[in-house]
C-alpha atoms as a PDB file:
ATOM      1  CA  MET A   1      23.337 207.704  41.217  1.00  0.00           C
ATOM      2  CA  THR A   2      25.334 210.061  43.426  1.00  0.00           C
ATOM      3  CA  VAL A   3      28.399 210.277  41.167  1.00  0.00           C
ATOM      4  CA  PRO A   4      27.255 213.434  39.317  1.00  0.00           C
ATOM      5  CA  PHE A   5      26.751 215.235  42.618  1.00  0.00           C
ATOM      6  CA  ILE A   6      30.134 214.158  43.926  1.00  0.00           C
ATOM      7  CA  TYR A   7      32.068 215.140  40.811  1.00  0.00           C
ATOM      8  CA  LEU A   8      30.209 218.421  40.247  1.00  0.00           C
ATOM      9  CA  ALA A   9      32.069 219.766  43.278  1.00  0.00           C
ATOM     10  CA  ILE A  10      35.224 219.951  41.158  1.00  0.00           C
ATOM     11  CA  PHE A  11      34.000 223.132  39.457  1.00  0.00           C
ATOM     12  CA  PRO A  12      33.412 225.337  42.522  1.00  0.00           C
ATOM     13  CA  VAL A  13      36.505 223.924  44.247  1.00  0.00           C
ATOM     14  CA  PHE A  14      38.666 224.628  41.194  1.00  0.00           C
ATOM     15  CA  PHE A  15      37.278 228.180  41.074  1.00  0.00           C
ATOM     16  CA  LEU A  16      37.909 228.541  44.816  1.00  0.00           C
ATOM     17  CA  ASP A  17      41.464 227.315  44.255  1.00  0.00           C
ATOM     18  CA  ILE A  18      42.114 230.017  41.642  1.00  0.00           C
ATOM     19  CA  ILE A  19      40.589 232.763  43.805  1.00  0.00           C
ATOM     20  CA  PHE A  20      42.424 231.785  46.999  1.00  0.00           C
ATOM     21  CA  GLU A  21      45.754 231.309  45.226  1.00  0.00           C
ATOM     22  CA  THR A  22      45.433 234.711  43.562  1.00  0.00           C
ATOM     23  CA  TYR A  23      44.451 236.323  46.871  1.00  0.00           C
ATOM     24  CA  HIS A  24      47.326 234.571  48.663  1.00  0.00           C
ATOM     25  CA  ARG A  25      49.937 235.644  46.102  1.00  0.00           C
ATOM     26  CA  ILE A  26      48.778 239.276  45.955  1.00  0.00           C
ATOM     27  CA  CYS A  27      47.630 240.123  49.494  1.00  0.00           C
ATOM     28  CA  PHE A  28      49.968 238.151  51.760  1.00  0.00           C
ATOM     29  CA  PRO A  29      53.111 240.007  50.630  1.00  0.00           C
ATOM     30  CA  VAL A  30      51.337 243.367  51.050  1.00  0.00           C
ATOM     31  CA  TYR A  31      50.483 242.619  54.692  1.00  0.00           C
ATOM     32  CA  LYS A  32      53.784 240.806  55.306  1.00  0.00           C
ATOM     33  CA  LEU A  33      52.029 237.531  56.101  1.00  0.00           C
ATOM     34  CA  SER A  34      54.067 234.350  55.791  1.00  0.00           C
ATOM     35  CA  TYR A  35      53.761 232.444  52.545  1.00  0.00           C
ATOM     36  CA  ILE A  36      51.843 229.183  52.907  1.00  0.00           C
ATOM     37  CA  LYS A  37      53.326 226.269  50.996  1.00  0.00           C
ATOM     38  CA  ARG A  38      50.643 224.773  48.793  1.00  0.00           C
ATOM     39  CA  SER A  39      52.498 221.460  48.669  1.00  0.00           C
ATOM     40  CA  GLN A  40      51.978 220.988  52.410  1.00  0.00           C
ATOM     41  CA  PHE A  41      48.229 220.708  51.827  1.00  0.00           C
ATOM     42  CA  ILE A  42      47.652 219.277  48.371  1.00  0.00           C
ATOM     43  CA  LYS A  43      49.055 215.783  47.862  1.00  0.00           C
ATOM     44  CA  ILE A  44      48.170 213.719  44.849  1.00  0.00           C
ATOM     45  CA  ASP A  45      50.109 210.498  45.140  1.00  0.00           C
ATOM     46  CA  ARG A  46      47.779 207.587  45.867  1.00  0.00           C
ATOM     47  CA  HIS A  47      47.116 207.068  42.161  1.00  0.00           C
ATOM     48  CA  LYS A  48      50.643 205.608  41.974  1.00  0.00           C
ATOM     49  CA  LEU A  49      49.603 202.536  43.954  1.00  0.00           C
ATOM     50  CA  SER A  50      49.662 199.612  41.547  1.00  0.00           C
ATOM     51  CA  TYR A  51      46.940 197.659  43.338  1.00  0.00           C
ATOM     52  CA  LEU A  52      44.289 200.317  42.687  1.00  0.00           C
ATOM     53  CA  SER A  53      41.989 200.085  39.694  1.00  0.00           C
ATOM     54  CA  PHE A  54      41.773 202.998  37.254  1.00  0.00           C
ATOM     55  CA  ARG A  55      38.512 204.088  38.884  1.00  0.00           C
ATOM     56  CA  ASP A  56      40.075 203.949  42.367  1.00  0.00           C
ATOM     57  CA  LYS A  57      43.053 205.979  41.141  1.00  0.00           C
ATOM     58  CA  LEU A  58      40.775 208.610  39.629  1.00  0.00           C
ATOM     59  CA  GLN A  59      38.834 208.878  42.877  1.00  0.00           C
ATOM     60  CA  CYS A  60      42.074 209.202  44.861  1.00  0.00           C
ATOM     61  CA  VAL A  61      43.276 212.039  42.622  1.00  0.00           C
ATOM     62  CA  TYR A  62      39.911 213.757  43.020  1.00  0.00           C
ATOM     63  CA  CYS A  63      39.838 213.414  46.821  1.00  0.00           C
ATOM     64  CA  GLY A  64      43.482 214.418  47.213  1.00  0.00           C
ATOM     65  CA  TYR A  65      42.866 217.582  45.200  1.00  0.00           C
ATOM     66  CA  ILE A  66      39.490 218.537  46.706  1.00  0.00           C
ATOM     67  CA  ASN A  67      40.486 217.942  50.332  1.00  0.00           C
ATOM     68  CA  GLY A  68      43.893 219.522  49.810  1.00  0.00           C
ATOM     69  CA  VAL A  69      42.462 222.686  48.253  1.00  0.00           C
ATOM     70  CA  LEU A  70      39.904 223.031  51.034  1.00  0.00           C
ATOM     71  CA  ALA A  71      42.557 222.572  53.748  1.00  0.00           C
ATOM     72  CA  TYR A  72      44.817 225.071  51.952  1.00  0.00           C
ATOM     73  CA  ALA A  73      41.979 227.600  51.687  1.00  0.00           C
ATOM     74  CA  VAL A  74      41.177 227.172  55.396  1.00  0.00           C
ATOM     75  CA  LYS A  75      44.828 227.864  56.263  1.00  0.00           C
ATOM     76  CA  ILE A  76      44.864 231.011  54.105  1.00  0.00           C
ATOM     77  CA  ALA A  77      41.587 232.182  55.645  1.00  0.00           C
ATOM     78  CA  ALA A  78      42.870 231.406  59.157  1.00  0.00           C
ATOM     79  CA  GLU A  79      46.027 233.459  58.657  1.00  0.00           C
ATOM     80  CA  THR A  80      43.912 236.300  57.289  1.00  0.00           C
ATOM     81  CA  GLU A  81      41.560 236.097  60.271  1.00  0.00           C
ATOM     82  CA  LYS A  82      44.492 236.075  62.679  1.00  0.00           C
ATOM     83  CA  TYR A  83      45.846 239.234  61.055  1.00  0.00           C
ATOM     84  CA  TRP A  84      42.581 241.189  60.880  1.00  0.00           C
ATOM     85  CA  CYS A  85      40.452 239.946  63.757  1.00  0.00           C
ATOM     86  CA  ALA A  86      42.037 237.642  66.291  1.00  0.00           C
ATOM     87  CA  ILE A  87      38.975 237.497  68.556  1.00  0.00           C
ATOM     88  CA  LYS A  88      37.259 234.248  69.516  1.00  0.00           C
ATOM     89  CA  HIS A  89      33.542 233.880  68.892  1.00  0.00           C
ATOM     90  CA  ALA A  90      31.063 233.915  71.763  1.00  0.00           C
ATOM     91  CA  LYS A  91      30.464 230.493  73.330  1.00  0.00           C
ATOM     92  CA  TYR A  92      27.653 228.530  71.673  1.00  0.00           C
ATOM     93  CA  LYS A  93      26.490 225.060  72.640  1.00  0.00           C
ATOM     94  CA  ASP A  94      27.122 223.242  69.357  1.00  0.00           C
ATOM     95  CA  PHE A  95      29.747 225.524  67.827  1.00  0.00           C
ATOM     96  CA  VAL A  96      33.040 223.856  66.977  1.00  0.00           C
ATOM     97  CA  GLU A  97      35.713 226.468  67.541  1.00  0.00           C
ATOM     98  CA  PRO A  98      38.388 226.479  64.845  1.00  0.00           C
ATOM     99  CA  VAL A  99      41.740 225.165  66.056  1.00  0.00           C
ATOM    100  CA  HIS A 100      43.510 228.359  65.031  1.00  0.00           C
ATOM    101  CA  HIS A 101      41.359 230.354  67.482  1.00  0.00           C
ATOM    102  CA  LYS A 102      43.199 228.907  70.491  1.00  0.00           C
ATOM    103  CA  ASP A 103      45.498 231.940  70.705  1.00  0.00           C
ATOM    104  CA  PHE A 104      42.840 234.515  69.841  1.00  0.00           C
ATOM    105  CA  LEU A 105      41.527 237.087  72.304  1.00  0.00           C
ATOM    106  CA  GLU A 106      38.518 236.115  74.367  1.00  0.00           C
ATOM    107  CA  TYR A 107      35.162 237.322  73.129  1.00  0.00           C
ATOM    108  CA  GLY A 108      34.226 240.554  74.876  1.00  0.00           C
ATOM    109  CA  ASP A 109      37.725 241.298  76.237  1.00  0.00           C
ATOM    110  CA  GLU A 110      37.846 244.947  75.189  1.00  0.00           C
ATOM    111  CA  GLU A 111      40.926 245.723  77.274  1.00  0.00           C
ATOM    112  CA  ALA A 112      43.000 243.026  75.559  1.00  0.00           C
ATOM    113  CA  PHE A 113      41.728 244.177  72.172  1.00  0.00           C
ATOM    114  CA  ARG A 114      42.686 247.814  72.840  1.00  0.00           C
ATOM    115  CA  LYS A 115      46.111 246.708  74.024  1.00  0.00           C
ATOM    116  CA  LEU A 116      46.600 244.585  70.892  1.00  0.00           C
ATOM    117  CA  LYS A 117      45.649 247.499  68.644  1.00  0.00           C
ATOM    118  CA  LYS A 118      48.239 249.741  70.348  1.00  0.00           C
ATOM    119  CA  ASP A 119      51.090 247.325  69.588  1.00  0.00           C
END
């Protein structure tokens, strides 16, 4: 019953993949941001396991692609955020701070922000 909802995600994720890859290839060189290797995030290899059924293999390809694209997109977005706005969010009770924010400026630290902008 849930299969259509699971597999419908392929369309927006595929579109997201095209948009982020295009953005990455065009904008990163302009701002001299380091290239992110797609192959470090998207791995499609579990379908090679002989003990998996065809259905299992198909699901492994799907999950490898979907999760890989989303992780890749997060990395691209994180590098963009670091370049444009490396300021942590205010502290909120249930907010899970992204890992890449660990080196960002503290929220509300205007002095550090002004110093960063001078460099």
